[in-house]
Amino acid sequence: MNRLPVAPDDVRVREYTEQQVATLLGELRRRGRAYGLLWGSAGVSGATIEGRLLVDFGNAPVSTLLNLLHLLRDAERNEAWE
């Protein structure tokens, strides 16, 4: 599947709530485990930059979380991410 990465300044990222991000982190932990990717301490930091929530694994923006999930989902389907 051809998919462009989500940009950190994508306006759609501003709409995510802390609960939604926490749910996405749960999915990241579940899907990443099969690939040896463990983020046991990752969480929603509560901090924001220009209205965007940060994820607490190096204060990454939510777009990084979404892009990681896209990569894992594509890997599960054996699809390349272009």
N, C-alpha and C. Protein backbone atom coordinates (compact mmCIF):
# COMPACT_ATOMS: atom_id res chain seq x y z
N MET A 1 0.85 -1.18 0.00
CA MET A 1 0.00 0.00 0.00
C MET A 1 0.89 1.24 0.00
N ASN A 2 0.58 2.18 -0.83
CA ASN A 2 1.33 3.43 -0.87
C ASN A 2 0.70 4.41 0.12
N ARG A 3 1.51 4.87 1.03
CA ARG A 3 1.01 5.78 2.05
C ARG A 3 2.11 6.77 2.38
N LEU A 4 1.75 8.02 2.46
CA LEU A 4 2.71 9.04 2.86
C LEU A 4 2.76 9.10 4.38
N PRO A 5 3.92 9.35 4.95
CA PRO A 5 4.00 9.49 6.41
C PRO A 5 3.18 10.69 6.88
N VAL A 6 2.73 10.62 8.11
CA VAL A 6 2.02 11.73 8.73
C VAL A 6 3.07 12.74 9.17
N ALA A 7 2.91 13.97 8.76
CA ALA A 7 3.86 15.02 9.10
C ALA A 7 3.59 15.53 10.52
N PRO A 8 4.64 15.92 11.24
CA PRO A 8 4.44 16.44 12.60
C PRO A 8 3.51 17.64 12.67
N ASP A 9 3.44 18.41 11.59
CA ASP A 9 2.58 19.60 11.61
C ASP A 9 1.23 19.37 10.94
N ASP A 10 0.87 18.11 10.70
CA ASP A 10 -0.42 17.78 10.12
C ASP A 10 -1.53 18.23 11.08
N VAL A 11 -2.45 19.02 10.59
CA VAL A 11 -3.50 19.58 11.46
C VAL A 11 -4.41 18.50 12.05
N ARG A 12 -4.53 17.35 11.41
CA ARG A 12 -5.38 16.28 11.93
C ARG A 12 -4.83 15.72 13.24
N VAL A 13 -3.53 15.85 13.46
CA VAL A 13 -2.91 15.32 14.67
C VAL A 13 -3.39 16.09 15.90
N ARG A 14 -3.79 17.33 15.73
CA ARG A 14 -4.26 18.15 16.85
C ARG A 14 -5.55 17.63 17.47
N GLU A 15 -6.28 16.82 16.75
CA GLU A 15 -7.58 16.34 17.20
C GLU A 15 -7.51 15.15 18.15
N TYR A 16 -6.33 14.51 18.28
CA TYR A 16 -6.21 13.33 19.13
C TYR A 16 -6.26 13.72 20.60
N THR A 17 -7.05 12.97 21.37
CA THR A 17 -7.13 13.19 22.81
C THR A 17 -6.11 12.30 23.51
N GLU A 18 -5.88 12.55 24.79
CA GLU A 18 -4.95 11.72 25.55
C GLU A 18 -5.42 10.27 25.58
N GLN A 19 -6.71 10.04 25.71
CA GLN A 19 -7.24 8.67 25.73
C GLN A 19 -6.99 7.97 24.39
N GLN A 20 -7.20 8.67 23.29
CA GLN A 20 -6.96 8.08 21.97
C GLN A 20 -5.48 7.73 21.80
N VAL A 21 -4.60 8.61 22.24
CA VAL A 21 -3.17 8.36 22.12
C VAL A 21 -2.77 7.18 23.01
N ALA A 22 -3.34 7.10 24.20
CA ALA A 22 -3.05 5.97 25.08
C ALA A 22 -3.49 4.66 24.44
N THR A 23 -4.62 4.66 23.74
CA THR A 23 -5.10 3.47 23.03
C THR A 23 -4.14 3.11 21.90
N LEU A 24 -3.67 4.11 21.16
CA LEU A 24 -2.71 3.86 20.08
C LEU A 24 -1.39 3.31 20.63
N LEU A 25 -0.97 3.79 21.80
CA LEU A 25 0.24 3.26 22.42
C LEU A 25 0.07 1.79 22.79
N GLY A 26 -1.13 1.44 23.26
CA GLY A 26 -1.41 0.04 23.55
C GLY A 26 -1.30 -0.82 22.31
N GLU A 27 -1.81 -0.32 21.20
CA GLU A 27 -1.71 -1.04 19.94
C GLU A 27 -0.25 -1.15 19.50
N LEU A 28 0.53 -0.07 19.67
CA LEU A 28 1.94 -0.09 19.32
C LEU A 28 2.68 -1.15 20.13
N ARG A 29 2.40 -1.22 21.42
CA ARG A 29 3.04 -2.24 22.26
C ARG A 29 2.68 -3.64 21.79
N ARG A 30 1.40 -3.85 21.50
CA ARG A 30 0.92 -5.18 21.09
C ARG A 30 1.52 -5.59 19.75
N ARG A 31 1.47 -4.72 18.78
CA ARG A 31 1.98 -5.04 17.44
C ARG A 31 3.51 -5.09 17.41
N GLY A 32 4.16 -4.23 18.16
CA GLY A 32 5.61 -4.16 18.15
C GLY A 32 6.28 -5.33 18.84
N ARG A 33 5.58 -5.95 19.78
CA ARG A 33 6.14 -7.07 20.53
C ARG A 33 6.64 -8.18 19.60
N ALA A 34 5.89 -8.46 18.53
CA ALA A 34 6.27 -9.52 17.58
C ALA A 34 7.59 -9.21 16.88
N TYR A 35 7.98 -7.95 16.85
CA TYR A 35 9.21 -7.54 16.19
C TYR A 35 10.31 -7.16 17.18
N GLY A 36 10.07 -7.45 18.44
CA GLY A 36 11.06 -7.14 19.47
C GLY A 36 11.08 -5.68 19.88
N LEU A 37 10.05 -4.94 19.53
CA LEU A 37 9.97 -3.51 19.87
C LEU A 37 9.17 -3.38 21.16
N LEU A 38 9.82 -2.96 22.22
CA LEU A 38 9.18 -2.87 23.52
C LEU A 38 9.23 -1.43 24.02
N TRP A 39 8.08 -0.90 24.34
CA TRP A 39 7.99 0.45 24.91
C TRP A 39 7.14 0.39 26.16
N GLY A 40 7.62 -0.33 27.15
CA GLY A 40 6.85 -0.50 28.37
C GLY A 40 6.58 0.79 29.11
N SER A 41 7.49 1.74 29.03
CA SER A 41 7.31 2.98 29.78
C SER A 41 6.73 4.11 28.92
N ALA A 42 6.41 3.85 27.66
CA ALA A 42 5.86 4.91 26.81
C ALA A 42 4.49 5.31 27.33
N GLY A 43 4.20 6.56 27.23
CA GLY A 43 2.91 7.06 27.67
C GLY A 43 2.64 8.43 27.10
N VAL A 44 1.48 8.94 27.40
CA VAL A 44 1.12 10.29 26.98
C VAL A 44 1.75 11.25 27.98
N SER A 45 2.58 12.14 27.49
CA SER A 45 3.33 13.01 28.40
C SER A 45 2.47 14.13 28.97
N GLY A 46 1.41 14.49 28.28
CA GLY A 46 0.60 15.63 28.70
C GLY A 46 1.16 16.94 28.19
N ALA A 47 2.40 16.93 27.74
CA ALA A 47 3.03 18.14 27.18
C ALA A 47 2.59 18.31 25.73
N THR A 48 2.58 19.54 25.29
CA THR A 48 2.22 19.84 23.91
C THR A 48 3.22 20.81 23.31
N ILE A 49 3.31 20.75 22.00
CA ILE A 49 4.05 21.75 21.23
C ILE A 49 3.11 22.24 20.15
N GLU A 50 2.83 23.53 20.19
CA GLU A 50 1.91 24.16 19.23
C GLU A 50 0.60 23.39 19.13
N GLY A 51 0.06 22.95 20.28
CA GLY A 51 -1.23 22.29 20.32
C GLY A 51 -1.21 20.81 20.04
N ARG A 52 -0.04 20.22 19.82
CA ARG A 52 0.05 18.79 19.53
C ARG A 52 0.58 18.06 20.75
N LEU A 53 -0.11 16.97 21.14
CA LEU A 53 0.33 16.16 22.27
C LEU A 53 1.66 15.49 21.96
N LEU A 54 2.48 15.31 22.98
CA LEU A 54 3.73 14.59 22.82
C LEU A 54 3.61 13.23 23.48
N VAL A 55 4.23 12.25 22.88
CA VAL A 55 4.27 10.90 23.42
C VAL A 55 5.59 10.77 24.16
N ASP A 56 5.54 10.20 25.35
CA ASP A 56 6.72 10.14 26.18
C ASP A 56 7.56 8.90 25.89
N PHE A 57 8.21 8.88 24.75
CA PHE A 57 9.36 8.02 24.48
C PHE A 57 10.29 8.89 23.67
N GLY A 58 10.87 9.85 24.40
CA GLY A 58 11.72 10.84 23.78
C GLY A 58 10.92 12.07 23.36
N ASN A 59 9.74 12.26 23.95
CA ASN A 59 8.86 13.38 23.60
C ASN A 59 8.60 13.47 22.11
N ALA A 60 8.27 12.35 21.52
CA ALA A 60 7.95 12.29 20.10
C ALA A 60 6.54 12.83 19.86
N PRO A 61 6.31 13.48 18.74
CA PRO A 61 4.95 13.91 18.42
C PRO A 61 4.07 12.71 18.08
N VAL A 62 2.78 12.90 18.16
CA VAL A 62 1.83 11.84 17.85
C VAL A 62 2.03 11.32 16.43
N SER A 63 2.49 12.18 15.53
CA SER A 63 2.72 11.74 14.15
C SER A 63 3.74 10.60 14.11
N THR A 64 4.73 10.62 14.99
CA THR A 64 5.72 9.53 15.04
C THR A 64 5.04 8.23 15.44
N LEU A 65 4.17 8.30 16.43
CA LEU A 65 3.41 7.14 16.86
C LEU A 65 2.56 6.59 15.72
N LEU A 66 1.88 7.45 15.01
CA LEU A 66 1.04 7.02 13.89
C LEU A 66 1.88 6.39 12.78
N ASN A 67 3.03 6.98 12.48
CA ASN A 67 3.90 6.43 11.44
C ASN A 67 4.45 5.07 11.84
N LEU A 68 4.82 4.90 13.10
CA LEU A 68 5.28 3.59 13.58
C LEU A 68 4.17 2.54 13.44
N LEU A 69 2.97 2.92 13.80
CA LEU A 69 1.84 1.98 13.67
C LEU A 69 1.60 1.62 12.21
N HIS A 70 1.69 2.59 11.32
CA HIS A 70 1.52 2.31 9.88
C HIS A 70 2.57 1.31 9.42
N LEU A 71 3.81 1.51 9.86
CA LEU A 71 4.89 0.60 9.47
C LEU A 71 4.64 -0.82 9.99
N LEU A 72 4.21 -0.93 11.23
CA LEU A 72 3.95 -2.25 11.80
C LEU A 72 2.77 -2.93 11.10
N ARG A 73 1.73 -2.17 10.82
CA ARG A 73 0.57 -2.75 10.12
C ARG A 73 0.97 -3.23 8.73
N ASP A 74 1.77 -2.43 8.03
CA ASP A 74 2.24 -2.83 6.70
C ASP A 74 3.13 -4.06 6.79
N ALA A 75 3.99 -4.12 7.80
CA ALA A 75 4.86 -5.28 7.97
C ALA A 75 4.05 -6.54 8.21
N GLU A 76 2.97 -6.42 8.95
CA GLU A 76 2.11 -7.56 9.20
C GLU A 76 1.45 -8.07 7.92
N ARG A 77 1.22 -7.15 6.99
CA ARG A 77 0.63 -7.52 5.71
C ARG A 77 1.69 -7.79 4.66
N ASN A 78 2.95 -7.72 5.07
CA ASN A 78 4.08 -7.92 4.15
C ASN A 78 4.05 -6.93 2.99
N GLU A 79 3.72 -5.70 3.30
CA GLU A 79 3.67 -4.66 2.29
C GLU A 79 4.77 -3.65 2.54
N ALA A 80 5.37 -3.16 1.49
CA ALA A 80 6.38 -2.12 1.60
C ALA A 80 5.72 -0.77 1.84
N TRP A 81 6.41 0.08 2.56
CA TRP A 81 5.93 1.44 2.81
C TRP A 81 6.77 2.37 1.97
N GLU A 82 6.15 3.03 1.01
CA GLU A 82 6.89 3.94 0.12
C GLU A 82 6.70 5.36 0.52
